[in-house]
Amino acid sequence: MLLAEGAIDEDMPARLEEALRGFHGTEIWLRSPGGEARAGNLAGRMIRARGLSTHIPAGWACSSACTFMFMGGVTRSVDPRGLLIVSMFTFTSDPAVRRQIEQGVAETSGLITDVARASSRLAVEDNDYLMRMGIARRFLTDIVYRQHAVPTARDPSTRRCLTPEEARRDNLVNAGRPARLIQPARPAQARP
């Protein structure tokens, strides 16, 4: 097995690629507080391309972008005391966005437009990724996108730990039944 631990940053896919070069096993154990969403998706695609399984052992947690990395496993499992934690991905934690906010944002509307565009692109990429990994689309709509990007007085959390039932229902955990590789729909051909 390969142990993959730590924050997921933009350099993590390159580190994973290097670790996979000499890896001859079939399973990756994951533990991460999350990080950069696109890097998590890319790492998940790398795991899937190699036909590897992913696992979260007892006492370990896989959160946020790590969840998307986890989804890359052909077979995915979580020990009963392991944690699979989801959160809504946003760009408000991006360091460049934070710096601009801290400076008093003279061009707030431009910043908001940029964040909205980037968030829309990421939502489309996430949906495509879920379909390719065999994850139920309702995982995004009913769980991920219902999370608060910013804590509120009524709900101070921005993350939620999936129950074993939710993880199985939406096909995040599929131990004992390999994930289906779902190809995106092809555009209909025009008939003469």
Protein backbone atom coordinates (compact mmCIF):
# COMPACT_ATOMS: atom_id res chain seq x y z
CA MET A 1 0.00 0.00 0.00
CA LEU A 2 1.01 3.62 -0.51
CA LEU A 3 0.41 6.14 2.29
CA ALA A 4 -0.69 9.55 1.01
CA GLU A 5 -0.75 12.09 3.83
CA GLY A 6 -0.78 15.87 4.14
CA ALA A 7 -2.30 18.96 2.60
CA ILE A 8 -3.23 18.91 -1.07
CA ASP A 9 -1.49 21.80 -2.78
CA GLU A 10 -0.88 22.55 -6.44
CA ASP A 11 2.41 20.60 -6.34
CA MET A 12 0.85 17.45 -4.86
CA PRO A 13 -0.04 15.80 -8.23
CA ALA A 14 3.63 15.94 -9.27
CA ARG A 15 4.67 14.40 -5.94
CA LEU A 16 2.02 11.70 -6.35
CA GLU A 17 3.21 10.96 -9.90
CA GLU A 18 6.74 10.52 -8.59
CA ALA A 19 5.58 8.22 -5.77
CA LEU A 20 3.52 6.13 -8.19
CA ARG A 21 6.47 5.52 -10.54
CA GLY A 22 8.01 2.98 -8.19
CA PHE A 23 4.76 1.77 -6.62
CA HIS A 24 3.69 -1.76 -7.49
CA GLY A 25 0.82 -2.13 -5.01
CA THR A 26 -2.89 -1.80 -5.59
CA GLU A 27 -4.13 0.47 -2.78
CA ILE A 28 -3.55 4.01 -1.50
CA TRP A 29 -4.41 5.01 2.06
CA LEU A 30 -5.42 8.66 2.36
CA ARG A 31 -5.20 11.17 5.22
CA SER A 32 -5.51 14.88 4.44
CA PRO A 33 -7.22 18.03 5.71
CA GLY A 34 -7.84 18.93 2.05
CA GLY A 35 -6.53 21.81 0.04
CA GLU A 36 -6.61 22.80 -3.63
CA ALA A 37 -9.72 21.36 -5.32
CA ARG A 38 -8.31 20.99 -8.82
CA ALA A 39 -5.22 19.20 -7.50
CA GLY A 40 -7.51 16.72 -5.71
CA ASN A 41 -9.39 16.03 -8.95
CA LEU A 42 -6.15 15.60 -10.91
CA ALA A 43 -4.76 13.21 -8.28
CA GLY A 44 -8.01 11.22 -8.42
CA ARG A 45 -7.71 10.92 -12.20
CA MET A 46 -4.13 9.67 -11.81
CA ILE A 47 -5.26 7.05 -9.30
CA ARG A 48 -8.08 5.92 -11.61
CA ALA A 49 -5.80 5.77 -14.66
CA ARG A 50 -3.60 3.29 -12.77
CA GLY A 51 -6.55 1.18 -11.61
CA LEU A 52 -5.74 1.67 -7.92
CA SER A 53 -8.04 1.37 -4.91
CA THR A 54 -8.36 4.01 -2.20
CA HIS A 55 -8.92 3.49 1.51
CA ILE A 56 -9.35 5.57 4.67
CA PRO A 57 -8.21 3.54 7.70
CA ALA A 58 -9.61 3.77 11.21
CA GLY A 59 -8.53 6.98 12.93
CA TRP A 60 -7.70 8.73 9.65
CA ALA A 61 -9.67 11.53 7.98
CA CYS A 62 -9.94 12.58 4.35
CA SER A 63 -11.49 16.02 3.93
CA SER A 64 -12.45 18.43 1.16
CA ALA A 65 -10.12 18.04 -1.86
CA CYS A 66 -8.97 14.70 -0.41
CA THR A 67 -12.53 13.41 -0.90
CA PHE A 68 -12.18 14.02 -4.63
CA MET A 69 -8.80 12.29 -4.63
CA PHE A 70 -10.44 9.37 -2.80
CA MET A 71 -13.10 9.14 -5.52
CA GLY A 72 -10.42 8.20 -8.05
CA GLY A 73 -10.12 4.73 -6.56
CA VAL A 74 -11.57 1.92 -8.62
CA THR A 75 -12.58 0.35 -5.32
CA ARG A 76 -13.11 2.77 -2.44
CA SER A 77 -13.46 1.87 1.24
CA VAL A 78 -13.59 3.58 4.63
CA ASP A 79 -13.01 1.77 7.92
CA PRO A 80 -15.87 2.22 10.41
CA ARG A 81 -13.75 4.67 12.45
CA GLY A 82 -12.33 6.47 9.40
CA LEU A 83 -13.79 9.84 8.38
CA LEU A 84 -14.80 11.01 4.90
CA ILE A 85 -15.53 14.74 5.24
CA VAL A 86 -16.98 17.01 2.57
CA SER A 87 -17.09 20.76 2.20
CA MET A 88 -18.23 23.17 -0.47
CA PHE A 89 -15.32 24.23 -2.65
CA THR A 90 -14.85 27.95 -3.04
CA PHE A 91 -12.23 30.38 -4.19
CA THR A 92 -12.65 32.71 -1.22
CA SER A 93 -9.77 30.98 0.55
CA ASP A 94 -7.45 31.53 -2.44
CA PRO A 95 -4.44 33.57 -1.19
CA ALA A 96 -4.80 36.18 -3.97
CA VAL A 97 -8.48 36.68 -3.14
CA ARG A 98 -7.67 36.96 0.58
CA ARG A 99 -4.97 39.60 -0.09
CA GLN A 100 -7.36 41.69 -2.16
CA ILE A 101 -10.08 41.46 0.50
CA GLU A 102 -7.61 42.52 3.20
CA GLN A 103 -6.54 45.55 1.12
CA GLY A 104 -10.02 47.05 1.22
CA VAL A 105 -11.07 45.90 -2.24
CA ALA A 106 -11.54 48.97 -4.37
CA GLU A 107 -12.63 46.79 -7.28
CA THR A 108 -15.01 44.48 -5.44
CA SER A 109 -17.32 43.89 -8.41
CA GLY A 110 -14.42 42.67 -10.56
CA LEU A 111 -13.27 40.35 -7.81
CA ILE A 112 -16.78 38.98 -7.33
CA THR A 113 -17.09 38.39 -11.09
CA ASP A 114 -13.74 36.57 -11.20
CA VAL A 115 -14.68 34.38 -8.22
CA ALA A 116 -18.09 33.59 -9.73
CA ARG A 117 -16.53 32.57 -13.07
CA ALA A 118 -13.88 30.41 -11.42
CA SER A 119 -16.48 28.79 -9.16
CA SER A 120 -18.73 28.04 -12.14
CA ARG A 121 -15.87 26.40 -14.02
CA LEU A 122 -14.97 24.33 -10.96
CA ALA A 123 -18.60 23.20 -10.54
CA VAL A 124 -18.66 21.97 -14.16
CA GLU A 125 -15.31 20.22 -13.69
CA ASP A 126 -16.53 18.62 -10.45
CA ASN A 127 -19.70 17.35 -12.12
CA ASP A 128 -17.72 15.87 -15.02
CA TYR A 129 -15.28 14.26 -12.58
CA LEU A 130 -18.08 12.70 -10.50
CA MET A 131 -19.70 11.22 -13.59
CA ARG A 132 -16.41 9.71 -14.74
CA MET A 133 -15.75 8.23 -11.28
CA GLY A 134 -19.23 6.67 -11.01
CA ILE A 135 -20.36 8.92 -8.14
CA ALA A 136 -24.05 9.85 -7.92
CA ARG A 137 -24.65 13.43 -9.06
CA ARG A 138 -26.81 14.03 -5.99
CA PHE A 139 -23.58 13.94 -3.96
CA LEU A 140 -22.81 17.42 -5.32
CA THR A 141 -26.34 18.78 -5.24
CA ASP A 142 -27.57 17.29 -1.96
CA ILE A 143 -24.38 17.26 0.09
CA VAL A 144 -21.43 19.29 -1.21
CA TYR A 145 -23.27 22.34 -2.50
CA ARG A 146 -25.53 22.46 0.57
CA GLN A 147 -22.49 23.10 2.76
CA HIS A 148 -21.81 26.68 3.76
CA ALA A 149 -18.70 28.21 2.23
CA VAL A 150 -18.55 30.60 5.18
CA PRO A 151 -19.73 29.72 8.70
CA THR A 152 -23.02 31.30 9.81
CA ALA A 153 -24.47 31.83 13.27
CA ARG A 154 -26.98 29.01 12.67
CA ASP A 155 -24.40 26.63 11.18
CA PRO A 156 -20.82 27.34 12.24
CA SER A 157 -19.41 24.39 10.26
CA THR A 158 -18.19 24.45 6.69
CA ARG A 159 -17.59 20.70 6.59
CA ARG A 160 -19.66 17.60 7.17
CA CYS A 161 -18.61 14.03 7.82
CA LEU A 162 -20.50 11.61 5.60
CA THR A 163 -22.36 8.78 7.26
CA PRO A 164 -21.54 5.28 6.01
CA GLU A 165 -25.05 5.14 4.51
CA GLU A 166 -24.54 8.40 2.54
CA ALA A 167 -21.15 7.25 1.30
CA ARG A 168 -22.60 3.94 0.04
CA ARG A 169 -25.81 5.49 -1.35
CA ASP A 170 -23.90 7.93 -3.54
CA ASN A 171 -21.30 5.28 -4.49
CA LEU A 172 -18.35 7.03 -2.81
CA VAL A 173 -17.69 3.82 -0.93
CA ASN A 174 -18.01 0.82 -3.20
CA ALA A 175 -15.86 -1.87 -1.57
CA GLY A 176 -16.81 -5.20 -3.04
CA ARG A 177 -18.08 -3.69 -6.27
CA PRO A 178 -15.65 -1.91 -8.62
CA ALA A 179 -16.52 1.59 -9.77
CA ARG A 180 -17.97 2.01 -13.22
CA LEU A 181 -16.10 4.28 -15.57
CA ILE A 182 -18.82 6.46 -17.00
CA GLN A 183 -18.10 8.16 -20.28
CA PRO A 184 -19.63 11.61 -20.77
CA ALA A 185 -22.56 11.74 -23.16
CA ARG A 186 -21.61 12.46 -26.73
CA PRO A 187 -23.41 15.21 -28.59
CA ALA A 188 -26.24 13.93 -30.74
CA GLN A 189 -25.40 13.72 -34.42
CA ALA A 190 -27.50 15.87 -36.68
CA ARG A 191 -29.64 13.84 -39.03
CA PRO A 192 -29.81 14.86 -42.67
